[in-house]
N, C-alpha and C. Protein backbone atom coordinates (compact mmCIF):
# COMPACT_ATOMS: atom_id res chain seq x y z
N MET A 1 287.09 -56.25 -42.32
CA MET A 1 285.66 -56.10 -42.12
C MET A 1 285.38 -56.10 -40.62
N SER A 2 284.49 -55.21 -40.20
CA SER A 2 284.14 -55.10 -38.79
C SER A 2 283.16 -56.20 -38.38
N LYS A 3 283.31 -56.64 -37.17
CA LYS A 3 282.40 -57.63 -36.60
C LYS A 3 281.16 -56.91 -36.09
N LEU A 4 280.01 -57.57 -36.20
CA LEU A 4 278.78 -57.02 -35.65
C LEU A 4 278.65 -57.48 -34.20
N LEU A 5 278.41 -56.53 -33.31
CA LEU A 5 278.32 -56.81 -31.88
C LEU A 5 276.88 -56.63 -31.41
N ASN A 6 276.43 -57.53 -30.54
CA ASN A 6 275.11 -57.36 -29.95
C ASN A 6 275.21 -56.47 -28.70
N GLU A 7 274.09 -56.21 -28.07
CA GLU A 7 274.07 -55.32 -26.91
C GLU A 7 275.02 -55.77 -25.81
N GLN A 8 275.00 -57.03 -25.46
CA GLN A 8 275.84 -57.53 -24.38
C GLN A 8 277.33 -57.36 -24.69
N GLU A 9 277.70 -57.62 -25.93
CA GLU A 9 279.11 -57.48 -26.32
C GLU A 9 279.55 -56.02 -26.26
N VAL A 10 278.69 -55.12 -26.70
CA VAL A 10 279.02 -53.69 -26.65
C VAL A 10 279.15 -53.23 -25.21
N ARG A 11 278.25 -53.69 -24.36
CA ARG A 11 278.27 -53.26 -22.96
C ARG A 11 279.46 -53.83 -22.19
N LYS A 12 280.08 -54.87 -22.70
CA LYS A 12 281.33 -55.36 -22.10
C LYS A 12 282.48 -54.43 -22.45
N LEU A 13 282.41 -53.82 -23.64
CA LEU A 13 283.48 -52.93 -24.10
C LEU A 13 283.31 -51.50 -23.55
N ILE A 14 282.06 -51.08 -23.42
CA ILE A 14 281.76 -49.74 -22.90
C ILE A 14 280.92 -49.94 -21.64
N PRO A 15 281.38 -49.46 -20.50
CA PRO A 15 280.65 -49.70 -19.24
C PRO A 15 279.40 -48.82 -19.13
N ILE A 16 278.33 -49.25 -19.81
CA ILE A 16 277.06 -48.53 -19.77
C ILE A 16 275.94 -49.53 -19.50
N GLY A 17 274.82 -49.01 -19.08
CA GLY A 17 273.66 -49.84 -18.81
C GLY A 17 272.78 -50.01 -20.05
N HIS A 18 271.76 -50.80 -19.89
CA HIS A 18 270.82 -51.11 -20.97
C HIS A 18 270.17 -49.84 -21.53
N SER A 19 269.65 -48.99 -20.65
CA SER A 19 268.97 -47.77 -21.09
C SER A 19 269.91 -46.82 -21.80
N LYS A 20 271.12 -46.65 -21.27
CA LYS A 20 272.10 -45.76 -21.89
C LYS A 20 272.50 -46.27 -23.26
N TYR A 21 272.59 -47.57 -23.42
CA TYR A 21 272.92 -48.19 -24.71
C TYR A 21 271.92 -47.73 -25.78
N TYR A 22 270.63 -47.86 -25.47
CA TYR A 22 269.60 -47.48 -26.43
C TYR A 22 269.50 -45.97 -26.59
N GLU A 23 269.82 -45.23 -25.54
CA GLU A 23 269.85 -43.77 -25.64
C GLU A 23 270.94 -43.32 -26.63
N LEU A 24 272.13 -43.93 -26.54
CA LEU A 24 273.22 -43.59 -27.43
C LEU A 24 272.89 -43.95 -28.88
N ILE A 25 272.24 -45.07 -29.09
CA ILE A 25 271.84 -45.47 -30.43
C ILE A 25 270.78 -44.51 -30.96
N GLY A 26 269.80 -44.19 -30.12
CA GLY A 26 268.72 -43.29 -30.54
C GLY A 26 269.20 -41.90 -30.90
N SER A 27 270.20 -41.43 -30.19
CA SER A 27 270.72 -40.09 -30.45
C SER A 27 271.70 -40.07 -31.62
N GLY A 28 272.14 -41.24 -32.07
CA GLY A 28 273.10 -41.32 -33.16
C GLY A 28 274.54 -41.26 -32.70
N ALA A 29 274.77 -41.15 -31.40
CA ALA A 29 276.14 -41.11 -30.88
C ALA A 29 276.85 -42.45 -31.08
N LEU A 30 276.07 -43.52 -31.08
CA LEU A 30 276.61 -44.87 -31.31
C LEU A 30 275.86 -45.42 -32.53
N ARG A 31 276.57 -45.52 -33.65
CA ARG A 31 275.94 -45.98 -34.89
C ARG A 31 275.58 -47.46 -34.80
N SER A 32 274.45 -47.80 -35.40
CA SER A 32 274.01 -49.20 -35.36
C SER A 32 273.37 -49.57 -36.69
N VAL A 33 273.21 -50.87 -36.88
CA VAL A 33 272.51 -51.41 -38.04
C VAL A 33 271.44 -52.37 -37.56
N THR A 34 270.36 -52.46 -38.30
CA THR A 34 269.29 -53.38 -37.96
C THR A 34 269.23 -54.47 -39.02
N ILE A 35 269.21 -55.70 -38.56
CA ILE A 35 269.04 -56.85 -39.45
C ILE A 35 267.83 -57.60 -38.93
N GLY A 36 266.77 -57.57 -39.72
CA GLY A 36 265.51 -58.15 -39.25
C GLY A 36 265.00 -57.33 -38.08
N ARG A 37 264.80 -57.97 -36.95
CA ARG A 37 264.34 -57.28 -35.75
C ARG A 37 265.47 -57.03 -34.76
N ARG A 38 266.68 -57.43 -35.12
CA ARG A 38 267.82 -57.29 -34.19
C ARG A 38 268.68 -56.10 -34.56
N ARG A 39 269.24 -55.45 -33.55
CA ARG A 39 270.10 -54.29 -33.74
C ARG A 39 271.52 -54.64 -33.34
N PHE A 40 272.47 -54.25 -34.18
CA PHE A 40 273.88 -54.52 -33.95
C PHE A 40 274.69 -53.24 -34.07
N VAL A 41 275.84 -53.24 -33.43
CA VAL A 41 276.79 -52.14 -33.51
C VAL A 41 278.09 -52.73 -34.03
N THR A 42 278.73 -52.06 -34.97
CA THR A 42 280.00 -52.58 -35.50
C THR A 42 281.14 -52.25 -34.53
N GLU A 43 282.20 -53.03 -34.62
CA GLU A 43 283.39 -52.75 -33.80
C GLU A 43 283.90 -51.35 -34.09
N GLN A 44 283.86 -50.93 -35.35
CA GLN A 44 284.35 -49.61 -35.72
C GLN A 44 283.52 -48.51 -35.09
N ALA A 45 282.21 -48.72 -34.97
CA ALA A 45 281.34 -47.72 -34.32
C ALA A 45 281.72 -47.57 -32.84
N VAL A 46 282.07 -48.67 -32.19
CA VAL A 46 282.50 -48.62 -30.79
C VAL A 46 283.82 -47.86 -30.68
N ILE A 47 284.75 -48.16 -31.58
CA ILE A 47 286.05 -47.47 -31.59
C ILE A 47 285.85 -45.97 -31.80
N ASP A 48 284.98 -45.61 -32.76
CA ASP A 48 284.72 -44.20 -33.05
C ASP A 48 284.08 -43.50 -31.85
N TYR A 49 283.15 -44.17 -31.18
CA TYR A 49 282.50 -43.59 -30.00
C TYR A 49 283.52 -43.34 -28.89
N ILE A 50 284.39 -44.30 -28.63
CA ILE A 50 285.40 -44.13 -27.60
C ILE A 50 286.36 -42.99 -27.96
N ALA A 51 286.72 -42.90 -29.23
CA ALA A 51 287.61 -41.82 -29.69
C ALA A 51 286.93 -40.46 -29.51
N GLN A 52 285.62 -40.41 -29.76
CA GLN A 52 284.87 -39.17 -29.57
C GLN A 52 284.86 -38.77 -28.09
N LEU A 53 284.72 -39.73 -27.22
CA LEU A 53 284.77 -39.45 -25.77
C LEU A 53 286.12 -38.92 -25.37
N ASP A 54 287.17 -39.51 -25.94
CA ASP A 54 288.54 -39.10 -25.64
C ASP A 54 288.79 -37.67 -26.10
N GLN A 55 288.29 -37.30 -27.27
CA GLN A 55 288.47 -35.95 -27.79
C GLN A 55 287.72 -34.92 -26.95
N ALA A 56 286.57 -35.31 -26.43
CA ALA A 56 285.76 -34.39 -25.63
C ALA A 56 286.34 -34.17 -24.24
N ALA A 57 287.17 -35.09 -23.79
CA ALA A 57 287.73 -35.00 -22.43
C ALA A 57 288.82 -33.95 -22.33
C-alpha cells in the first residue's frame, strides 16, 4: 500500500516550489487525493510522475 504524502514531503522528493506543486496537481500531471480539506499525493503518483519526466527526456 502506498503512503500518503503531504505537500512538504512531496517537495522533498521533487525539487519544485509551492506554486508548481499545485499547478501539477491542477493539470493532473501529479495525481492527488483529498481527505476532508487536505490534499495528499501517493508515493506511487510521485514515482509515476518522475518516470513520466524520464520518458519525456
